[in-house]
Structure formats: C-alpha cells, structure tokens
Amino acid sequence: MELTSEKILSLQDLTMNFNGNFVLRGIDLDVYRGQIIGYIGPNGAGKSTTLKIMLGLVDGYGGNVEIFGEDIKKSDHAYKRKIGYVPENAEIYENLSAAEYLSFMGELYGMDREAAENKAERLMAEFNMEDVLHTRISSFSKGMRQKVIIISSLLHDPDLIFLDEPLSGLDANSVMVIKDILEKLVKQGKTIFYSSHIMDVVEKISSRIVLLKDGRIAADGTFEELRKANEKGSLEDIFNQLTGFDEHKNTAERFVSIISEGDSHA
C-alpha cells in the first residue's frame, strides 16, 4: 500500500472499557495525509467510540492518540480547529436559520464572521439551497439538514475530516456530488476518516479499508488487498466473511416466509 510520508493520525494500543466491558481492545493504526480510510465493522465493534476518542469527546481511554503529531491528552485543543466532523446523529440548533447556524459554526472554528457568512452563502448555493439560507432549520427535510451539517464540517477548510454515516437522508444526486467532493478534497491533501454501513460507497471511495471486529482490527488494506486475502467479490462479501455473518440470506428467507403465512386476501 503506497503511503505519503506525513503521518496525520496515530493510534497506539488504544483501549476503552465501559463498566468493565472492553469496547476497544488494543487498536494500532497510523493514517497518512491524503488517505480516505473506510472504517467499518458491525454494530458494537467500537467504530463510534474510536471516532469520539479521536475528537476529544470521550476521556478515560488507554493507550495514545496523536493527531498532527500532538498527543491529544496533552494538547491545548488547538488541533480541533483543523478537524471537521459529521456525526451520525447530529444535534443542530433548529431555531436558527441556516445562515445563522453556519456563521456560528465558522466562528467556533476561528473564522471571521463575514468570511464565514460569505462562504456559507456560496456553499449553500452549490447545493441549490440559496432560497432557504435565511429560513429556520426546523422547517428543513432530513436531507436538507444533512447538507447543512456537511457544509458546517467543511466551512473552515479542515485538514482532517471525520465522517460518520455522512450520506444519511441524501438523494442519489447529492450522494454523487458528495463522493466527488471527497475525492477532490483528498487530491488537495486532505485526510478523510469515513465510517459507514453502506459497503458499496466505502468500497468505491476508500483508498484504504480498516475493518473492526470485537474492538480489534480484523483487516487493514486496500479493497484489492482485502479481496485477494479473502477470495471474495464485493466488500459486503468480505465483511460478512470476516465478521462471521453469513446468515443474511437464511434470515431473509425466514422473514419473508413468516410474512407470507396464510393468505390475508383470500
């Protein structure tokens, strides 16, 4: 796997337990400038916990986390100004307009208010949302809110971007736009940490895929490397093989058979 020399993120023997239950059991991972890391795993594998630790949202972990060469335990949190984050379930200030929310988020990241407002207006227009720039977010659809959240995570031009199910609620055209945006950001030297259950998207956009299982890394490599190692076709097939989940077809068959029991229209 070809890597650039600049290390952006490093996890060393990362562990985390909640009430004696280990969620992370020793994660070692180095991420380099210009990579899109597809971070996948079944529910409960520790994906979201890893992201929250790296973002400084969770304390009490074991091991070391370095971002931009700084130990985040000892850092003054200035590194966070160079980070963008789209959470899986984002809290958003619904009583604000999109313009108010985005300028507020820009200022939190150290942007000048006028610069934040100007950039937010232009980015909203690229998503064909200029007409609702001054409309309260409470009236927005899920897809519209998601676009505002994505804009807020990129407004300050971060170097490291964490995305947790970023395509949730987006229509097919918007998904294509976001995928193209991510590819262009990486060409600019940005580093993207992408966590999702949508395997075909992870497969297509990731330069490297890290699969987590039971709090440990079960696989790490390009899609081609994982496919060669596991003799499977799609990333979904590889995922099912490595996580031991091969019951999906039987489950579907049983589920449909239960639905079909009797004939309610007879």
C-alpha atoms as a PDB file:
ATOM      1  CA  MET A   1       0.000   0.000   0.000  1.00  0.00           C
ATOM      2  CA  GLU A   2       1.516   3.289  -1.098  1.00  0.00           C
ATOM      3  CA  LEU A   3       1.638   5.877   1.666  1.00  0.00           C
ATOM      4  CA  THR A   4       2.656   9.514   1.808  1.00  0.00           C
ATOM      5  CA  SER A   5       5.267  10.316   4.417  1.00  0.00           C
ATOM      6  CA  GLU A   6       3.256  12.729   6.555  1.00  0.00           C
ATOM      7  CA  LYS A   7       1.500  10.971   9.425  1.00  0.00           C
ATOM      8  CA  ILE A   8      -1.738  12.755  10.317  1.00  0.00           C
ATOM      9  CA  LEU A   9      -3.146  10.405  12.921  1.00  0.00           C
ATOM     10  CA  SER A  10      -1.714   7.660  15.099  1.00  0.00           C
ATOM     11  CA  LEU A  11      -3.469   5.289  17.493  1.00  0.00           C
ATOM     12  CA  GLN A  12      -1.196   3.210  19.743  1.00  0.00           C
ATOM     13  CA  ASP A  13      -2.672   0.336  21.781  1.00  0.00           C
ATOM     14  CA  LEU A  14      -5.976   2.204  22.100  1.00  0.00           C
ATOM     15  CA  THR A  15      -8.290   0.595  24.645  1.00  0.00           C
ATOM     16  CA  MET A  16     -11.604   1.641  26.133  1.00  0.00           C
ATOM     17  CA  ASN A  17     -13.920  -0.020  28.570  1.00  0.00           C
ATOM     18  CA  PHE A  18     -17.274   0.972  29.964  1.00  0.00           C
ATOM     19  CA  ASN A  19     -18.088  -0.569  33.352  1.00  0.00           C
ATOM     20  CA  GLY A  20     -15.597  -3.382  32.792  1.00  0.00           C
ATOM     21  CA  ASN A  21     -16.814  -4.115  29.274  1.00  0.00           C
ATOM     22  CA  PHE A  22     -13.979  -3.605  26.769  1.00  0.00           C
ATOM     23  CA  VAL A  23     -15.201  -1.843  23.629  1.00  0.00           C
ATOM     24  CA  LEU A  24     -11.698  -1.316  22.195  1.00  0.00           C
ATOM     25  CA  ARG A  25      -9.083  -3.985  22.835  1.00  0.00           C
ATOM     26  CA  GLY A  26      -5.846  -2.522  21.528  1.00  0.00           C
ATOM     27  CA  ILE A  27      -6.124  -0.555  18.268  1.00  0.00           C
ATOM     28  CA  ASP A  28      -2.887   0.295  16.451  1.00  0.00           C
ATOM     29  CA  LEU A  29      -3.391   2.479  13.406  1.00  0.00           C
ATOM     30  CA  ASP A  30      -1.366   5.067  11.505  1.00  0.00           C
ATOM     31  CA  VAL A  31      -3.151   7.282   8.982  1.00  0.00           C
ATOM     32  CA  TYR A  32      -1.291   9.367   6.408  1.00  0.00           C
ATOM     33  CA  ARG A  33      -2.012  12.591   4.559  1.00  0.00           C
ATOM     34  CA  GLY A  34      -4.262  12.155   1.532  1.00  0.00           C
ATOM     35  CA  GLN A  35      -5.879   8.867   2.524  1.00  0.00           C
ATOM     36  CA  ILE A  36      -9.583   8.070   2.673  1.00  0.00           C
ATOM     37  CA  ILE A  37      -9.927   5.488   5.424  1.00  0.00           C
ATOM     38  CA  GLY A  38     -13.085   3.412   5.213  1.00  0.00           C
ATOM     39  CA  TYR A  39     -13.670   2.473   8.872  1.00  0.00           C
ATOM     40  CA  ILE A  40     -16.217  -0.334   9.005  1.00  0.00           C
ATOM     41  CA  GLY A  41     -17.493  -3.008  11.352  1.00  0.00           C
ATOM     42  CA  PRO A  42     -20.694  -4.442  12.800  1.00  0.00           C
ATOM     43  CA  ASN A  43     -22.707  -2.559  15.416  1.00  0.00           C
ATOM     44  CA  GLY A  44     -20.888  -2.603  18.742  1.00  0.00           C
ATOM     45  CA  ALA A  45     -17.460  -3.140  17.161  1.00  0.00           C
ATOM     46  CA  GLY A  46     -16.170   0.174  18.532  1.00  0.00           C
ATOM     47  CA  LYS A  47     -16.279   2.453  15.465  1.00  0.00           C
ATOM     48  CA  SER A  48     -18.131   5.385  17.015  1.00  0.00           C
ATOM     49  CA  THR A  49     -16.135   5.077  20.241  1.00  0.00           C
ATOM     50  CA  THR A  50     -12.890   5.356  18.261  1.00  0.00           C
ATOM     51  CA  LEU A  51     -14.144   8.477  16.487  1.00  0.00           C
ATOM     52  CA  LYS A  52     -15.304  10.124  19.720  1.00  0.00           C
ATOM     53  CA  ILE A  53     -11.941   9.472  21.394  1.00  0.00           C
ATOM     54  CA  MET A  54     -10.048  10.999  18.458  1.00  0.00           C
ATOM     55  CA  LEU A  55     -12.352  14.025  18.539  1.00  0.00           C
ATOM     56  CA  GLY A  56     -11.729  14.529  22.252  1.00  0.00           C
ATOM     57  CA  LEU A  57     -15.359  13.783  23.136  1.00  0.00           C
ATOM     58  CA  VAL A  58     -14.587  10.754  25.328  1.00  0.00           C
ATOM     59  CA  ASP A  59     -11.980  10.514  28.104  1.00  0.00           C
ATOM     60  CA  GLY A  60     -10.733   7.576  30.151  1.00  0.00           C
ATOM     61  CA  TYR A  61      -9.172   5.600  27.313  1.00  0.00           C
ATOM     62  CA  GLY A  62      -5.919   3.653  27.460  1.00  0.00           C
ATOM     63  CA  GLY A  63      -3.045   3.997  25.017  1.00  0.00           C
ATOM     64  CA  ASN A  64      -2.065   7.065  22.995  1.00  0.00           C
ATOM     65  CA  VAL A  65      -3.764   9.164  20.338  1.00  0.00           C
ATOM     66  CA  GLU A  66      -1.687  11.594  18.285  1.00  0.00           C
ATOM     67  CA  ILE A  67      -3.225  14.000  15.771  1.00  0.00           C
ATOM     68  CA  PHE A  68      -0.980  16.246  13.672  1.00  0.00           C
ATOM     69  CA  GLY A  69       1.906  14.916  15.796  1.00  0.00           C
ATOM     70  CA  GLU A  70       0.366  16.031  19.110  1.00  0.00           C
ATOM     71  CA  ASP A  71      -0.696  13.782  21.982  1.00  0.00           C
ATOM     72  CA  ILE A  72      -4.315  14.899  22.382  1.00  0.00           C
ATOM     73  CA  LYS A  73      -4.197  14.270  26.147  1.00  0.00           C
ATOM     74  CA  LYS A  74      -1.518  16.951  26.456  1.00  0.00           C
ATOM     75  CA  SER A  75      -2.753  19.225  23.671  1.00  0.00           C
ATOM     76  CA  ASP A  76      -4.420  22.602  24.185  1.00  0.00           C
ATOM     77  CA  HIS A  77      -7.137  21.508  21.734  1.00  0.00           C
ATOM     78  CA  ALA A  78      -5.906  23.894  19.035  1.00  0.00           C
ATOM     79  CA  TYR A  79      -5.710  20.830  16.754  1.00  0.00           C
ATOM     80  CA  LYS A  80      -9.519  20.720  16.706  1.00  0.00           C
ATOM     81  CA  ARG A  81      -9.626  23.836  14.521  1.00  0.00           C
ATOM     82  CA  LYS A  82      -8.102  21.734  11.734  1.00  0.00           C
ATOM     83  CA  ILE A  83     -10.722  18.981  12.096  1.00  0.00           C
ATOM     84  CA  GLY A  84     -14.161  18.627  10.507  1.00  0.00           C
ATOM     85  CA  TYR A  85     -16.811  16.245  11.833  1.00  0.00           C
ATOM     86  CA  VAL A  86     -20.147  14.938  10.572  1.00  0.00           C
ATOM     87  CA  PRO A  87     -21.672  12.839  13.392  1.00  0.00           C
ATOM     88  CA  GLU A  88     -24.115  10.007  12.733  1.00  0.00           C
ATOM     89  CA  ASN A  89     -26.851  11.672  14.776  1.00  0.00           C
ATOM     90  CA  ALA A  90     -26.076  15.379  14.718  1.00  0.00           C
ATOM     91  CA  GLU A  91     -27.634  17.841  17.122  1.00  0.00           C
ATOM     92  CA  ILE A  92     -28.430  21.038  15.288  1.00  0.00           C
ATOM     93  CA  TYR A  93     -29.854  24.346  16.531  1.00  0.00           C
ATOM     94  CA  GLU A  94     -33.233  24.192  14.820  1.00  0.00           C
ATOM     95  CA  ASN A  95     -34.377  27.669  15.816  1.00  0.00           C
ATOM     96  CA  LEU A  96     -31.507  29.244  13.882  1.00  0.00           C
ATOM     97  CA  SER A  97     -31.568  29.889  10.176  1.00  0.00           C
ATOM     98  CA  ALA A  98     -29.020  28.046   8.039  1.00  0.00           C
ATOM     99  CA  ALA A  99     -27.054  31.314   7.659  1.00  0.00           C
ATOM    100  CA  GLU A 100     -27.004  31.898  11.433  1.00  0.00           C
ATOM    101  CA  TYR A 101     -26.007  28.314  12.215  1.00  0.00           C
ATOM    102  CA  LEU A 102     -23.209  28.194   9.648  1.00  0.00           C
ATOM    103  CA  SER A 103     -21.700  31.547  10.606  1.00  0.00           C
ATOM    104  CA  PHE A 104     -21.861  30.450  14.272  1.00  0.00           C
ATOM    105  CA  MET A 105     -20.048  27.192  13.455  1.00  0.00           C
ATOM    106  CA  GLY A 106     -17.470  29.056  11.370  1.00  0.00           C
ATOM    107  CA  GLU A 107     -16.727  31.418  14.262  1.00  0.00           C
ATOM    108  CA  LEU A 108     -16.353  28.442  16.627  1.00  0.00           C
ATOM    109  CA  TYR A 109     -13.560  27.230  14.362  1.00  0.00           C
ATOM    110  CA  GLY A 110     -11.883  30.649  14.422  1.00  0.00           C
ATOM    111  CA  MET A 111     -13.232  32.126  11.193  1.00  0.00           C
ATOM    112  CA  ASP A 112     -14.072  35.793  10.798  1.00  0.00           C
ATOM    113  CA  ARG A 113     -17.869  36.187  10.816  1.00  0.00           C
ATOM    114  CA  GLU A 114     -18.081  37.974   7.485  1.00  0.00           C
ATOM    115  CA  ALA A 115     -15.838  35.379   5.824  1.00  0.00           C
ATOM    116  CA  ALA A 116     -17.931  32.554   7.304  1.00  0.00           C
ATOM    117  CA  GLU A 117     -21.188  34.147   6.129  1.00  0.00           C
ATOM    118  CA  ASN A 118     -19.860  34.703   2.619  1.00  0.00           C
ATOM    119  CA  LYS A 119     -18.506  31.178   2.239  1.00  0.00           C
ATOM    120  CA  ALA A 120     -21.667  29.632   3.749  1.00  0.00           C
ATOM    121  CA  GLU A 121     -23.868  31.515   1.269  1.00  0.00           C
ATOM    122  CA  ARG A 122     -21.796  30.304  -1.682  1.00  0.00           C
ATOM    123  CA  LEU A 123     -21.703  26.694  -0.446  1.00  0.00           C
ATOM    124  CA  MET A 124     -25.480  26.661   0.153  1.00  0.00           C
ATOM    125  CA  ALA A 125     -25.943  27.880  -3.428  1.00  0.00           C
ATOM    126  CA  GLU A 126     -23.861  24.949  -4.718  1.00  0.00           C
ATOM    127  CA  PHE A 127     -26.402  22.641  -3.045  1.00  0.00           C
ATOM    128  CA  ASN A 128     -29.266  24.665  -4.626  1.00  0.00           C
ATOM    129  CA  MET A 129     -30.311  25.860  -1.162  1.00  0.00           C
ATOM    130  CA  GLU A 130     -29.767  29.611  -1.547  1.00  0.00           C
ATOM    131  CA  ASP A 131     -33.534  30.171  -1.269  1.00  0.00           C
ATOM    132  CA  VAL A 132     -33.604  28.756   2.282  1.00  0.00           C
ATOM    133  CA  LEU A 133     -30.391  30.381   3.541  1.00  0.00           C
ATOM    134  CA  HIS A 134     -32.359  32.591   5.940  1.00  0.00           C
ATOM    135  CA  THR A 135     -35.037  30.010   6.768  1.00  0.00           C
ATOM    136  CA  ARG A 136     -35.172  28.269  10.143  1.00  0.00           C
ATOM    137  CA  ILE A 137     -33.632  24.816  10.097  1.00  0.00           C
ATOM    138  CA  SER A 138     -36.694  23.427  11.936  1.00  0.00           C
ATOM    139  CA  SER A 139     -38.559  23.530   8.602  1.00  0.00           C
ATOM    140  CA  PHE A 140     -35.864  21.579   6.707  1.00  0.00           C
ATOM    141  CA  SER A 141     -36.152  17.982   5.495  1.00  0.00           C
ATOM    142  CA  LYS A 142     -33.647  15.393   6.720  1.00  0.00           C
ATOM    143  CA  GLY A 143     -31.649  15.696   3.502  1.00  0.00           C
ATOM    144  CA  MET A 144     -31.515  19.495   3.741  1.00  0.00           C
ATOM    145  CA  ARG A 145     -30.319  19.307   7.338  1.00  0.00           C
ATOM    146  CA  GLN A 146     -27.652  16.811   6.343  1.00  0.00           C
ATOM    147  CA  LYS A 147     -26.343  19.178   3.671  1.00  0.00           C
ATOM    148  CA  VAL A 148     -26.137  21.995   6.234  1.00  0.00           C
ATOM    149  CA  ILE A 149     -24.231  19.694   8.616  1.00  0.00           C
ATOM    150  CA  ILE A 150     -21.818  18.682   5.837  1.00  0.00           C
ATOM    151  CA  ILE A 151     -21.242  22.355   4.945  1.00  0.00           C
ATOM    152  CA  SER A 152     -20.633  23.187   8.623  1.00  0.00           C
ATOM    153  CA  SER A 153     -17.989  20.442   8.848  1.00  0.00           C
ATOM    154  CA  LEU A 154     -16.072  21.739   5.794  1.00  0.00           C
ATOM    155  CA  LEU A 155     -16.617  25.509   6.065  1.00  0.00           C
ATOM    156  CA  HIS A 156     -13.304  26.182   7.862  1.00  0.00           C
ATOM    157  CA  ASP A 157     -11.245  24.143   5.353  1.00  0.00           C
ATOM    158  CA  PRO A 158     -10.131  21.360   7.757  1.00  0.00           C
ATOM    159  CA  ASP A 159      -7.140  19.110   7.092  1.00  0.00           C
ATOM    160  CA  LEU A 160      -8.655  16.023   8.771  1.00  0.00           C
ATOM    161  CA  ILE A 161     -12.322  15.159   8.252  1.00  0.00           C
ATOM    162  CA  PHE A 162     -14.298  12.593  10.255  1.00  0.00           C
ATOM    163  CA  LEU A 163     -17.499  11.399   8.594  1.00  0.00           C
ATOM    164  CA  ASP A 164     -19.921   9.074  10.405  1.00  0.00           C
ATOM    165  CA  GLU A 165     -22.698   7.959   8.009  1.00  0.00           C
ATOM    166  CA  PRO A 166     -22.491  11.292   6.146  1.00  0.00           C
ATOM    167  CA  LEU A 167     -24.880  10.303   3.337  1.00  0.00           C
ATOM    168  CA  SER A 168     -27.851   9.673   5.617  1.00  0.00           C
ATOM    169  CA  GLY A 169     -31.021  11.171   4.137  1.00  0.00           C
ATOM    170  CA  LEU A 170     -29.403  12.368   0.900  1.00  0.00           C
ATOM    171  CA  ASP A 171     -30.905  11.712  -2.522  1.00  0.00           C
ATOM    172  CA  ALA A 172     -28.950   9.869  -5.235  1.00  0.00           C
ATOM    173  CA  ASN A 173     -27.756  13.037  -6.990  1.00  0.00           C
ATOM    174  CA  SER A 174     -26.487  14.549  -3.738  1.00  0.00           C
ATOM    175  CA  VAL A 175     -24.672  11.312  -2.901  1.00  0.00           C
ATOM    176  CA  MET A 176     -22.797  11.542  -6.207  1.00  0.00           C
ATOM    177  CA  VAL A 177     -21.874  15.169  -5.509  1.00  0.00           C
ATOM    178  CA  ILE A 178     -20.577  14.357  -2.009  1.00  0.00           C
ATOM    179  CA  LYS A 179     -18.499  11.442  -3.323  1.00  0.00           C
ATOM    180  CA  ASP A 180     -16.919  13.745  -5.922  1.00  0.00           C
ATOM    181  CA  ILE A 181     -16.289  16.409  -3.269  1.00  0.00           C
ATOM    182  CA  LEU A 182     -14.456  13.870  -1.094  1.00  0.00           C
ATOM    183  CA  GLU A 183     -12.280  12.751  -3.998  1.00  0.00           C
ATOM    184  CA  LYS A 184     -11.327  16.355  -4.800  1.00  0.00           C
ATOM    185  CA  LEU A 185     -10.570  17.127  -1.132  1.00  0.00           C
ATOM    186  CA  VAL A 186      -8.201  14.162  -0.985  1.00  0.00           C
ATOM    187  CA  LYS A 187      -6.428  15.399  -4.127  1.00  0.00           C
ATOM    188  CA  GLN A 188      -5.863  18.652  -2.229  1.00  0.00           C
ATOM    189  CA  GLY A 189      -4.107  16.661   0.503  1.00  0.00           C
ATOM    190  CA  LYS A 190      -6.985  16.372   2.975  1.00  0.00           C
ATOM    191  CA  THR A 191      -7.305  13.189   5.027  1.00  0.00           C
ATOM    192  CA  ILE A 192     -10.735  11.600   5.486  1.00  0.00           C
ATOM    193  CA  PHE A 193     -11.852   9.077   8.090  1.00  0.00           C
ATOM    194  CA  TYR A 194     -15.105   7.617   6.753  1.00  0.00           C
ATOM    195  CA  SER A 195     -17.316   5.360   8.854  1.00  0.00           C
ATOM    196  CA  SER A 196     -20.406   3.799   7.256  1.00  0.00           C
ATOM    197  CA  HIS A 197     -22.506   0.679   6.843  1.00  0.00           C
ATOM    198  CA  ILE A 198     -23.043   1.393   3.130  1.00  0.00           C
ATOM    199  CA  MET A 199     -20.450  -1.015   1.785  1.00  0.00           C
ATOM    200  CA  ASP A 200     -20.608  -0.144  -1.901  1.00  0.00           C
ATOM    201  CA  VAL A 201     -19.800   3.518  -1.147  1.00  0.00           C
ATOM    202  CA  VAL A 202     -16.935   2.579   1.192  1.00  0.00           C
ATOM    203  CA  GLU A 203     -15.603   0.204  -1.459  1.00  0.00           C
ATOM    204  CA  LYS A 204     -15.663   2.879  -4.170  1.00  0.00           C
ATOM    205  CA  ILE A 205     -14.242   5.885  -2.336  1.00  0.00           C
ATOM    206  CA  SER A 206     -11.728   4.411   0.143  1.00  0.00           C
ATOM    207  CA  SER A 207      -8.021   4.251  -0.558  1.00  0.00           C
ATOM    208  CA  ARG A 208      -7.708   2.018   2.497  1.00  0.00           C
ATOM    209  CA  ILE A 209     -10.256  -0.029   4.445  1.00  0.00           C
ATOM    210  CA  VAL A 210      -9.984  -0.842   8.152  1.00  0.00           C
ATOM    211  CA  LEU A 211     -12.434  -3.425   9.475  1.00  0.00           C
ATOM    212  CA  LEU A 212     -13.105  -3.547  13.192  1.00  0.00           C
ATOM    213  CA  LYS A 213     -14.460  -6.626  14.942  1.00  0.00           C
ATOM    214  CA  ASP A 214     -14.957  -7.037  18.701  1.00  0.00           C
ATOM    215  CA  GLY A 215     -12.796  -3.993  19.431  1.00  0.00           C
ATOM    216  CA  ARG A 216      -9.845  -5.161  17.338  1.00  0.00           C
ATOM    217  CA  ILE A 217      -8.697  -4.560  13.772  1.00  0.00           C
ATOM    218  CA  ALA A 218      -9.647  -7.658  11.754  1.00  0.00           C
ATOM    219  CA  ALA A 219      -8.433  -6.360   8.363  1.00  0.00           C
ATOM    220  CA  ASP A 220      -6.482  -3.379   7.037  1.00  0.00           C
ATOM    221  CA  GLY A 221      -5.618  -2.707   3.405  1.00  0.00           C
ATOM    222  CA  THR A 222      -6.855  -1.547   0.036  1.00  0.00           C
ATOM    223  CA  PHE A 223     -10.015  -3.150  -1.310  1.00  0.00           C
ATOM    224  CA  GLU A 224      -7.908  -5.177  -3.765  1.00  0.00           C
ATOM    225  CA  GLU A 225      -5.661  -6.410  -0.944  1.00  0.00           C
ATOM    226  CA  LEU A 226      -8.657  -7.468   1.145  1.00  0.00           C
ATOM    227  CA  ARG A 227     -10.256  -9.199  -1.819  1.00  0.00           C
ATOM    228  CA  LYS A 228      -7.083 -11.180  -2.588  1.00  0.00           C
ATOM    229  CA  ALA A 229      -6.678 -12.185   1.053  1.00  0.00           C
ATOM    230  CA  ASN A 230     -10.279 -13.323   1.466  1.00  0.00           C
ATOM    231  CA  GLU A 231     -11.131 -14.618  -2.005  1.00  0.00           C
ATOM    232  CA  LYS A 232     -14.436 -12.774  -2.026  1.00  0.00           C
ATOM    233  CA  GLY A 233     -16.010 -10.461  -4.601  1.00  0.00           C
ATOM    234  CA  SER A 234     -17.562  -7.396  -3.008  1.00  0.00           C
ATOM    235  CA  LEU A 235     -16.682  -5.570   0.203  1.00  0.00           C
ATOM    236  CA  GLU A 236     -20.016  -6.743   1.599  1.00  0.00           C
ATOM    237  CA  ASP A 237     -18.967 -10.368   0.984  1.00  0.00           C
ATOM    238  CA  ILE A 238     -15.596  -9.754   2.645  1.00  0.00           C
ATOM    239  CA  PHE A 239     -17.310  -8.004   5.559  1.00  0.00           C
ATOM    240  CA  ASN A 240     -19.683 -10.933   6.082  1.00  0.00           C
ATOM    241  CA  GLN A 241     -16.836 -13.440   5.904  1.00  0.00           C
ATOM    242  CA  LEU A 242     -14.582 -11.598   8.371  1.00  0.00           C
ATOM    243  CA  THR A 243     -17.356 -10.807  10.838  1.00  0.00           C
ATOM    244  CA  GLY A 244     -18.815 -14.293  10.627  1.00  0.00           C
ATOM    245  CA  PHE A 245     -22.193 -13.072   9.458  1.00  0.00           C
ATOM    246  CA  ASP A 246     -23.374 -15.461   6.787  1.00  0.00           C
ATOM    247  CA  GLU A 247     -26.967 -15.852   7.923  1.00  0.00           C
ATOM    248  CA  HIS A 248     -28.413 -12.919   5.999  1.00  0.00           C
ATOM    249  CA  LYS A 249     -29.960 -14.967   3.180  1.00  0.00           C
ATOM    250  CA  ASN A 250     -31.466 -17.512   5.565  1.00  0.00           C
ATOM    251  CA  THR A 251     -32.783 -14.728   7.781  1.00  0.00           C
ATOM    252  CA  ALA A 252     -34.382 -13.021   4.764  1.00  0.00           C
ATOM    253  CA  GLU A 253     -35.966 -16.284   3.641  1.00  0.00           C
ATOM    254  CA  ARG A 254     -37.434 -16.991   7.086  1.00  0.00           C
ATOM    255  CA  PHE A 255     -38.633 -13.386   7.427  1.00  0.00           C
ATOM    256  CA  VAL A 256     -40.482 -13.458   4.101  1.00  0.00           C
ATOM    257  CA  SER A 257     -41.932 -16.908   4.818  1.00  0.00           C
ATOM    258  CA  ILE A 258     -43.451 -15.555   8.055  1.00  0.00           C
ATOM    259  CA  ILE A 259     -44.924 -12.571   6.188  1.00  0.00           C
ATOM    260  CA  SER A 260     -46.385 -14.955   3.604  1.00  0.00           C
ATOM    261  CA  GLU A 261     -48.022 -17.308   6.130  1.00  0.00           C
ATOM    262  CA  GLY A 262     -51.706 -17.632   5.263  1.00  0.00           C
ATOM    263  CA  ASP A 263     -53.385 -15.501   2.660  1.00  0.00           C
ATOM    264  CA  SER A 264     -54.944 -12.399   4.187  1.00  0.00           C
ATOM    265  CA  HIS A 265     -56.557 -11.542   0.843  1.00  0.00           C
ATOM    266  CA  ALA A 266     -58.276 -14.889   0.382  1.00  0.00           C
END
